[in-house]
Amino acid sequence: MFKTLDDLGPGQRVLVRLDLNSPVTDDGEVQDNRRFERHAETVRELVDDGHRVVLLAHQGRPGRDSFVSLRQHADILSTHVGQTVAFVPDIYGDEALSAIRGLDAGEVLLLENVRMADDELPERPPEEHAASEFVETLAPEFDAYVNDAYSVGHRSHASVVGFPLVLPAYAGRVMESEYEANTAVARREFDGQVTMVVGGTKATDVIRVMNALDDKVDTFLLGGIAGEMFLRAASNDVGYDVEGTDLFDDQWAECEATIRELIERRGDQIRLAVDLAYEDDDGERAEVAVADIDRKETQYLDVGHDTIEEFSDYIHEAEAVFVKGALGLFEDERFKDGTVGVLEAIADTDCFSVVGGGDTSRAIELYGLDEDDYSHVTIAGGAYIMALTGEELPAIEALTRFAD
């Protein structure tokens, strides 16, 4: 298995990969989120051990409005770390190298958005990334590499898999805790019922998870776009696009056969919504029983309260609950009840629980829930899906294979 900060000796020059990717407002303001708080713990530990700490992170992707400099990220991270995080608008040029060489023990430097480097984004094997100009230029400036960016661990990018080939490599605290919690459903044995709440917009993700956890999960509680498509496969007149939507029809064409096969093979494990919520003519939340829908004429934006009650009963009986994806459009307060309802039900129990998948964990902060009521709240999206489906992350493979 990979080495952790417990194996890293003090007083070294350390290159650390974080994931500080955050929402950006229309006027370009970077928003604080739990990623800063989580990664700050790793940074503070490295500082306390007398390391010279240089940070790599990304924001957005080329061509997107969120693809901006990390200058604001340095200021936000400074508040969480409790000391100045210096910033240099360079990645591995002369300005960056000069700033790196000028660091004293206990100081922290954030380099520019690593995705502004041409070598970063191509999905390549570690050996090819290790031979890139980016890695070959930066690596000699350091004694060790720490990967704390679990949420980009599913990417075979230069800053994720290139450096472990040429430097002693370690997992940061976020990487370590995320890996342990997110793989628990596949690795651990639970004496009681294991329940998974599955939602979101991608039916392919739901299918992958359900197929991979065939013998690990006793009950799947389905909502969101994928849940509505499963309702369609169960002979209900929902799960297709209406005017103004394009979420269902293409996915249905791709996934219909697999969804029907899952219902046929695992129907006794699958629980679907019995009622759905929508926006009525007055702009208010309204609900309708699935059995009473003769024809879909509007978007359904959440599960209804009868479903929430039924799902909550399953959660209260479980020894372990895993959440992947939202049950509705929780960002709109009118349609938060499904997602928040199951999170509240989990908080009321003493079961082992992991919450994540896309922005689902954001509902905890958005609606004033207490993160301490859950065993783990993951900040990962795609990496969480890979962990649930038992696929090894390129970052974990690199840390395991190449750690000195």
Protein backbone atom coordinates (compact mmCIF):
# COMPACT_ATOMS: atom_id res chain seq x y z
CA MET A 1 0.00 0.00 0.00
CA PHE A 2 1.07 3.62 -0.39
CA LYS A 3 3.11 5.50 2.19
CA THR A 4 1.59 8.37 4.17
CA LEU A 5 2.82 11.46 5.97
CA ASP A 6 3.65 9.20 8.90
CA ASP A 7 6.51 7.86 6.77
CA LEU A 8 7.83 11.27 5.72
CA GLY A 9 10.85 12.58 7.62
CA PRO A 10 10.91 16.25 8.74
CA GLY A 11 12.52 19.27 7.14
CA GLN A 12 12.28 18.38 3.43
CA ARG A 13 11.44 20.22 0.21
CA VAL A 14 7.97 18.87 -0.55
CA LEU A 15 5.85 19.21 -3.70
CA VAL A 16 2.17 18.74 -2.84
CA ARG A 17 -0.74 18.18 -5.24
CA LEU A 18 -4.04 19.55 -3.91
CA ASP A 19 -7.49 19.89 -5.47
CA LEU A 20 -8.70 23.44 -4.86
CA ASN A 21 -11.11 23.44 -7.82
CA SER A 22 -14.04 25.64 -6.77
CA PRO A 23 -17.17 27.34 -8.09
CA VAL A 24 -16.48 30.69 -9.75
CA THR A 25 -19.12 33.44 -9.92
CA ASP A 26 -20.02 35.24 -13.14
CA ASP A 27 -17.77 38.14 -12.13
CA GLY A 28 -14.80 35.82 -11.59
CA GLU A 29 -14.86 35.50 -7.81
CA VAL A 30 -13.61 32.14 -6.54
CA GLN A 31 -15.84 30.65 -3.84
CA ASP A 32 -14.54 29.10 -0.64
CA ASN A 33 -15.53 25.47 -0.11
CA ARG A 34 -14.73 22.46 2.06
CA ARG A 35 -11.76 21.49 -0.13
CA PHE A 36 -9.74 24.41 1.24
CA GLU A 37 -10.51 23.40 4.81
CA ARG A 38 -9.66 19.74 4.22
CA HIS A 39 -6.38 20.37 2.41
CA ALA A 40 -5.35 23.01 4.94
CA GLU A 41 -4.98 20.22 7.51
CA THR A 42 -2.34 18.51 5.36
CA VAL A 43 -0.55 21.79 4.67
CA ARG A 44 -0.47 22.73 8.36
CA GLU A 45 0.98 19.35 9.29
CA LEU A 46 3.74 19.74 6.71
CA VAL A 47 4.49 23.25 7.95
CA ASP A 48 4.63 22.08 11.56
CA ASP A 49 7.16 19.42 10.55
CA GLY A 50 9.45 22.10 9.15
CA HIS A 51 9.03 21.36 5.45
CA ARG A 52 9.37 23.84 2.62
CA VAL A 53 5.95 23.38 1.00
CA VAL A 54 5.14 24.04 -2.67
CA LEU A 55 1.60 23.44 -3.86
CA LEU A 56 0.23 22.38 -7.23
CA ALA A 57 -3.51 22.69 -7.90
CA HIS A 58 -5.93 23.33 -10.75
CA GLN A 59 -9.03 25.39 -11.45
CA GLY A 60 -11.44 24.57 -14.27
CA ARG A 61 -10.43 23.45 -17.74
CA PRO A 62 -9.17 25.37 -20.77
CA GLY A 63 -12.06 26.97 -22.63
CA ARG A 64 -14.38 27.21 -19.62
CA ASP A 65 -15.30 30.34 -17.70
CA SER A 66 -14.01 28.71 -14.51
CA PHE A 67 -10.49 28.38 -15.96
CA VAL A 68 -8.85 31.17 -13.96
CA SER A 69 -5.66 31.93 -12.06
CA LEU A 70 -5.06 30.54 -8.58
CA ARG A 71 -4.19 33.94 -7.08
CA GLN A 72 -7.50 34.07 -5.20
CA HIS A 73 -7.05 30.48 -4.07
CA ALA A 74 -3.84 31.43 -2.29
CA ASP A 75 -5.68 34.07 -0.26
CA ILE A 76 -8.53 31.70 0.64
CA LEU A 77 -6.14 28.90 1.58
CA SER A 78 -4.13 31.31 3.74
CA THR A 79 -7.17 31.88 5.97
CA HIS A 80 -7.60 28.14 6.49
CA VAL A 81 -3.93 27.34 7.03
CA GLY A 82 -3.48 30.24 9.44
CA GLN A 83 -0.46 31.74 7.70
CA THR A 84 0.42 33.32 4.38
CA VAL A 85 0.34 31.10 1.34
CA ALA A 86 2.50 32.94 -1.20
CA PHE A 87 1.55 32.83 -4.88
CA VAL A 88 3.60 32.99 -8.05
CA PRO A 89 1.93 33.28 -11.49
CA ASP A 90 4.19 30.64 -12.98
CA ILE A 91 4.35 26.83 -12.90
CA TYR A 92 7.87 25.71 -13.80
CA GLY A 93 9.52 28.70 -15.45
CA ASP A 94 12.29 30.89 -14.04
CA GLU A 95 9.91 32.86 -11.82
CA ALA A 96 8.55 29.70 -10.22
CA LEU A 97 11.99 28.14 -9.76
CA SER A 98 13.32 31.32 -8.15
CA ALA A 99 10.39 31.43 -5.72
CA ILE A 100 10.79 27.74 -4.87
CA ARG A 101 14.52 28.14 -4.15
CA GLY A 102 13.84 31.16 -1.96
CA LEU A 103 11.51 29.31 0.44
CA ASP A 104 12.50 28.88 4.08
CA ALA A 105 11.41 26.03 6.35
CA GLY A 106 7.75 26.34 7.30
CA GLU A 107 6.85 28.58 4.33
CA VAL A 108 4.20 27.75 1.73
CA LEU A 109 4.06 28.64 -1.96
CA LEU A 110 1.20 28.02 -4.42
CA LEU A 111 2.15 27.79 -8.09
CA GLU A 112 -0.12 28.90 -10.93
CA ASN A 113 -3.02 26.77 -12.23
CA VAL A 114 -1.29 23.54 -13.24
CA ARG A 115 -3.71 23.03 -16.12
CA MET A 116 -2.15 26.05 -17.80
CA ALA A 117 0.85 23.81 -18.47
CA ASP A 118 0.64 22.02 -21.82
CA ASP A 119 2.07 18.82 -20.33
CA GLU A 120 -0.59 18.47 -17.61
CA LEU A 121 -3.88 17.42 -19.19
CA PRO A 122 -3.14 14.65 -21.71
CA GLU A 123 -4.12 11.25 -20.29
CA ARG A 124 -0.81 9.40 -20.53
CA PRO A 125 1.01 6.60 -18.70
CA PRO A 126 3.16 7.68 -15.73
CA GLU A 127 6.37 6.92 -17.61
CA GLU A 128 5.48 9.40 -20.35
CA HIS A 129 4.47 12.08 -17.87
CA ALA A 130 7.67 11.54 -15.89
CA ALA A 131 9.65 12.31 -19.05
CA SER A 132 7.77 15.58 -19.71
CA GLU A 133 9.50 18.95 -19.48
CA PHE A 134 7.12 19.90 -16.69
CA VAL A 135 8.08 16.99 -14.41
CA GLU A 136 11.76 16.92 -15.38
CA THR A 137 12.10 20.63 -14.58
CA LEU A 138 10.28 20.68 -11.24
CA ALA A 139 11.25 17.32 -9.73
CA PRO A 140 14.95 18.12 -9.05
CA GLU A 141 13.85 20.99 -6.79
CA PHE A 142 12.24 18.60 -4.30
CA ASP A 143 13.00 15.75 -1.93
CA ALA A 144 9.49 14.29 -1.86
CA TYR A 145 6.08 14.39 -3.52
CA VAL A 146 2.76 14.30 -1.63
CA ASN A 147 -0.53 13.64 -3.40
CA ASP A 148 -3.49 14.94 -1.39
CA ALA A 149 -5.82 15.34 -4.39
CA TYR A 150 -7.99 12.24 -4.15
CA SER A 151 -10.77 13.94 -6.11
CA VAL A 152 -8.58 14.06 -9.24
CA GLY A 153 -7.12 10.65 -8.51
CA HIS A 154 -9.06 9.17 -11.43
CA ARG A 155 -7.06 11.32 -13.87
CA SER A 156 -3.78 10.13 -15.35
CA HIS A 157 -2.41 13.69 -15.51
CA ALA A 158 1.21 14.75 -15.13
CA SER A 159 0.86 16.28 -11.66
CA VAL A 160 -1.01 13.18 -10.47
CA VAL A 161 1.04 10.27 -11.82
CA GLY A 162 4.29 11.73 -13.20
CA PHE A 163 6.09 12.78 -10.03
CA PRO A 164 5.77 9.48 -8.10
CA LEU A 165 8.03 7.88 -10.72
CA VAL A 166 10.92 10.25 -9.97
CA LEU A 167 10.41 11.26 -6.32
CA PRO A 168 9.64 9.40 -3.09
CA ALA A 169 5.83 9.58 -2.99
CA TYR A 170 3.37 9.84 -0.11
CA ALA A 171 -0.38 10.19 0.39
CA GLY A 172 -1.60 13.31 2.19
CA ARG A 173 -4.26 13.17 4.88
CA VAL A 174 -7.14 13.90 2.50
CA MET A 175 -5.95 11.21 0.08
CA GLU A 176 -5.57 8.75 2.94
CA SER A 177 -8.97 9.37 4.55
CA GLU A 178 -10.88 9.52 1.26
CA TYR A 179 -9.40 6.24 0.10
CA GLU A 180 -10.22 4.45 3.34
CA ALA A 181 -13.84 5.65 3.46
CA ASN A 182 -14.74 5.49 -0.21
CA THR A 183 -13.51 1.93 -0.69
CA ALA A 184 -15.18 0.71 2.51
CA VAL A 185 -18.27 -0.66 0.76
CA ALA A 186 -16.07 -2.94 -1.34
CA ARG A 187 -13.47 -3.82 1.31
CA ARG A 188 -15.36 -4.03 4.59
CA GLU A 189 -17.75 -6.64 5.88
CA PHE A 190 -20.86 -5.34 7.67
CA ASP A 191 -22.96 -7.55 9.94
CA GLY A 192 -26.23 -5.78 9.18
CA GLN A 193 -28.03 -4.27 6.22
CA VAL A 194 -26.06 -2.17 3.72
CA THR A 195 -28.13 0.49 1.94
CA MET A 196 -27.11 2.74 -0.91
CA VAL A 197 -28.94 5.93 -1.88
CA VAL A 198 -28.33 6.47 -5.58
CA GLY A 199 -29.35 9.53 -7.59
CA GLY A 200 -27.89 12.16 -9.84
CA THR A 201 -28.21 12.74 -13.55
CA LYS A 202 -26.10 9.96 -15.09
CA ALA A 203 -27.76 6.59 -15.49
CA THR A 204 -24.44 5.06 -16.57
CA ASP A 205 -22.93 5.89 -13.17
CA VAL A 206 -25.89 4.31 -11.37
CA ILE A 207 -25.66 1.17 -13.48
CA ARG A 208 -21.90 0.85 -12.94
CA VAL A 209 -22.30 1.14 -9.19
CA MET A 210 -25.21 -1.31 -9.00
CA ASN A 211 -23.43 -3.89 -11.12
CA ALA A 212 -20.15 -3.57 -9.25
CA LEU A 213 -21.74 -3.88 -5.80
CA ASP A 214 -23.93 -6.84 -6.66
CA ASP A 215 -23.08 -8.79 -3.51
CA LYS A 216 -22.22 -5.88 -1.21
CA VAL A 217 -25.44 -3.85 -1.03
CA ASP A 218 -28.77 -5.17 0.24
CA THR A 219 -31.01 -2.27 -0.82
CA PHE A 220 -30.70 0.47 -3.44
CA LEU A 221 -32.87 3.58 -2.97
CA LEU A 222 -33.13 5.29 -6.37
CA GLY A 223 -33.97 8.88 -7.20
CA GLY A 224 -32.90 11.68 -9.50
CA ILE A 225 -32.81 11.37 -13.28
CA ALA A 226 -31.65 7.77 -13.11
CA GLY A 227 -34.43 6.85 -10.69
CA GLU A 228 -37.04 8.23 -13.05
CA MET A 229 -35.60 6.14 -15.88
CA PHE A 230 -35.87 3.03 -13.73
CA LEU A 231 -39.50 3.96 -13.10
CA ARG A 232 -40.02 4.09 -16.86
CA ALA A 233 -38.54 0.61 -17.19
CA ALA A 234 -41.02 -0.51 -14.52
CA SER A 235 -43.91 0.55 -16.81
CA ASN A 236 -44.54 4.05 -15.47
CA ASP A 237 -45.16 6.95 -17.86
CA VAL A 238 -42.13 8.98 -16.77
CA GLY A 239 -38.43 8.99 -17.56
CA TYR A 240 -38.47 10.78 -20.91
CA ASP A 241 -37.88 14.33 -22.03
CA VAL A 242 -40.61 16.94 -22.18
CA GLU A 243 -40.36 20.42 -23.63
CA GLY A 244 -37.32 22.19 -22.24
CA THR A 245 -35.38 19.09 -21.15
CA ASP A 246 -32.75 16.91 -22.78
CA LEU A 247 -31.74 14.66 -19.89
CA PHE A 248 -33.55 11.41 -20.62
CA ASP A 249 -34.00 10.30 -24.21
CA ASP A 250 -30.35 9.83 -25.18
CA GLN A 251 -29.56 8.05 -21.93
CA TRP A 252 -32.62 5.85 -22.30
CA ALA A 253 -31.53 4.76 -25.76
CA GLU A 254 -28.10 3.88 -24.37
CA CYS A 255 -29.16 2.25 -21.09
CA GLU A 256 -32.66 0.82 -21.56
CA ALA A 257 -31.59 -2.81 -21.97
CA THR A 258 -29.28 -2.71 -18.96
CA ILE A 259 -31.84 -0.97 -16.76
CA ARG A 260 -34.47 -3.56 -17.64
CA GLU A 261 -32.00 -6.36 -16.97
CA LEU A 262 -31.14 -4.88 -13.56
CA ILE A 263 -34.80 -4.65 -12.60
CA GLU A 264 -35.37 -8.22 -13.75
CA ARG A 265 -32.33 -9.58 -11.92
CA ARG A 266 -32.29 -7.41 -8.81
CA GLY A 267 -35.82 -6.07 -8.48
CA ASP A 268 -36.11 -7.25 -4.89
CA GLN A 269 -33.19 -5.01 -3.93
CA ILE A 270 -34.32 -1.87 -5.77
CA ARG A 271 -36.70 0.66 -4.23
CA LEU A 272 -38.10 3.35 -6.52
CA ALA A 273 -39.96 6.58 -5.78
CA VAL A 274 -43.67 6.25 -5.09
CA ASP A 275 -44.29 9.97 -5.60
CA LEU A 276 -42.56 12.84 -7.37
CA ALA A 277 -42.43 16.61 -6.92
CA TYR A 278 -42.80 19.29 -9.59
CA GLU A 279 -43.37 23.04 -9.97
CA ASP A 280 -47.06 23.91 -10.26
CA ASP A 281 -48.60 26.84 -12.15
CA ASP A 282 -48.07 29.11 -9.15
CA GLY A 283 -44.37 28.29 -8.94
CA GLU A 284 -44.84 26.21 -5.81
CA ARG A 285 -43.79 22.66 -5.02
CA ALA A 286 -46.49 20.10 -5.74
CA GLU A 287 -46.43 16.31 -5.53
CA VAL A 288 -48.11 13.47 -7.37
CA ALA A 289 -48.18 9.74 -6.80
CA VAL A 290 -46.32 7.84 -9.50
CA ALA A 291 -49.31 5.52 -9.90
CA ASP A 292 -51.49 8.55 -10.78
CA ILE A 293 -49.28 9.81 -13.62
CA ASP A 294 -51.05 9.00 -16.90
CA ARG A 295 -48.76 11.12 -19.02
CA LYS A 296 -45.63 13.06 -18.17
CA GLU A 297 -46.28 16.73 -18.91
CA THR A 298 -43.73 18.49 -16.69
CA GLN A 299 -40.29 18.07 -15.18
CA TYR A 300 -40.09 16.14 -11.94
CA LEU A 301 -37.50 17.81 -9.73
CA ASP A 302 -37.51 15.74 -6.55
CA VAL A 303 -38.97 12.67 -4.93
CA GLY A 304 -42.09 13.21 -2.84
CA HIS A 305 -42.63 12.97 0.91
CA ASP A 306 -44.09 9.45 0.87
CA THR A 307 -40.89 8.32 -0.83
CA ILE A 308 -38.75 10.22 1.68
CA GLU A 309 -40.56 8.47 4.54
CA GLU A 310 -40.15 5.06 2.94
CA PHE A 311 -36.47 5.62 2.15
CA SER A 312 -35.88 6.89 5.70
CA ASP A 313 -37.27 3.64 7.11
CA TYR A 314 -34.68 1.65 5.15
CA ILE A 315 -31.92 3.97 6.33
CA HIS A 316 -32.91 3.61 9.97
CA GLU A 317 -32.65 -0.18 9.64
CA ALA A 318 -29.21 -0.15 8.03
CA GLU A 319 -25.79 -0.71 9.55
CA ALA A 320 -24.10 1.14 6.70
CA VAL A 321 -25.40 3.73 4.25
CA PHE A 322 -23.61 5.07 1.19
CA VAL A 323 -24.93 8.07 -0.75
CA LYS A 324 -24.05 8.66 -4.41
CA GLY A 325 -25.83 11.54 -6.04
CA ALA A 326 -28.77 13.77 -5.19
CA LEU A 327 -32.43 12.72 -5.27
CA GLY A 328 -33.55 16.06 -6.67
CA LEU A 329 -32.65 19.62 -7.58
CA PHE A 330 -31.61 20.46 -4.03
CA GLU A 331 -29.99 23.76 -5.04
CA ASP A 332 -33.57 25.04 -5.38
CA GLU A 333 -34.95 25.13 -1.84
CA ARG A 334 -38.36 24.00 -3.08
CA PHE A 335 -36.86 20.70 -4.21
CA LYS A 336 -34.34 20.00 -1.46
CA ASP A 337 -36.62 17.72 0.58
CA GLY A 338 -35.57 14.40 -0.93
CA THR A 339 -31.83 14.92 -0.70
CA VAL A 340 -31.95 16.69 2.66
CA GLY A 341 -34.51 14.21 4.00
CA VAL A 342 -32.27 11.18 3.49
CA LEU A 343 -29.27 13.08 4.86
CA GLU A 344 -31.28 13.94 7.98
CA ALA A 345 -32.34 10.31 8.31
CA ILE A 346 -28.71 9.19 8.14
CA ALA A 347 -27.72 11.82 10.72
CA ASP A 348 -30.36 10.41 13.08
CA THR A 349 -28.72 6.97 13.08
CA ASP A 350 -25.41 5.66 14.36
CA CYS A 351 -24.70 3.72 11.18
CA PHE A 352 -21.46 3.90 9.22
CA SER A 353 -22.10 6.44 6.46
CA VAL A 354 -20.33 7.93 3.47
CA VAL A 355 -21.91 10.84 1.59
CA GLY A 356 -20.75 12.02 -1.82
CA GLY A 357 -21.12 11.98 -5.56
CA GLY A 358 -20.99 15.17 -7.58
CA ASP A 359 -22.19 18.11 -5.48
CA THR A 360 -24.32 16.05 -3.09
CA SER A 361 -22.07 16.77 -0.13
CA ARG A 362 -22.66 20.48 -0.73
CA ALA A 363 -26.24 20.05 0.50
CA ILE A 364 -24.86 19.41 3.99
CA GLU A 365 -23.32 22.87 4.12
CA LEU A 366 -26.08 24.56 2.14
CA TYR A 367 -28.83 23.49 4.55
CA GLY A 368 -26.99 23.70 7.84
CA LEU A 369 -26.50 19.99 8.49
CA ASP A 370 -23.59 18.87 10.68
CA GLU A 371 -20.78 17.09 8.84
CA ASP A 372 -19.82 15.36 12.08
CA ASP A 373 -23.07 13.37 11.90
CA TYR A 374 -21.59 11.32 9.04
CA SER A 375 -18.66 8.93 9.09
CA HIS A 376 -17.23 10.57 6.01
CA VAL A 377 -18.26 13.30 3.58
CA THR A 378 -16.27 12.91 0.40
CA ILE A 379 -15.16 15.86 -1.72
CA ALA A 380 -14.72 13.58 -4.74
CA GLY A 381 -17.01 12.99 -7.71
CA GLY A 382 -15.57 10.82 -10.47
CA ALA A 383 -13.00 9.31 -8.13
CA TYR A 384 -15.78 8.32 -5.73
CA ILE A 385 -17.59 6.51 -8.55
CA MET A 386 -14.44 4.60 -9.45
CA ALA A 387 -13.90 3.65 -5.81
CA LEU A 388 -17.48 2.40 -5.47
CA THR A 389 -17.13 0.30 -8.61
CA GLY A 390 -13.87 -1.23 -7.44
CA GLU A 391 -11.68 0.38 -10.08
CA GLU A 392 -8.20 1.39 -8.98
CA LEU A 393 -7.44 5.09 -9.33
CA PRO A 394 -4.37 6.04 -11.39
CA ALA A 395 -3.21 8.18 -8.45
CA ILE A 396 -3.40 5.22 -6.05
CA GLU A 397 -1.64 2.96 -8.53
CA ALA A 398 1.12 5.54 -8.90
CA LEU A 399 1.57 6.02 -5.16
CA THR A 400 1.60 2.28 -4.59
CA ARG A 401 3.83 1.39 -7.52
CA PHE A 402 6.34 4.18 -7.43
CA ALA A 403 6.62 5.13 -3.74
CA ASP A 404 10.25 4.82 -2.69
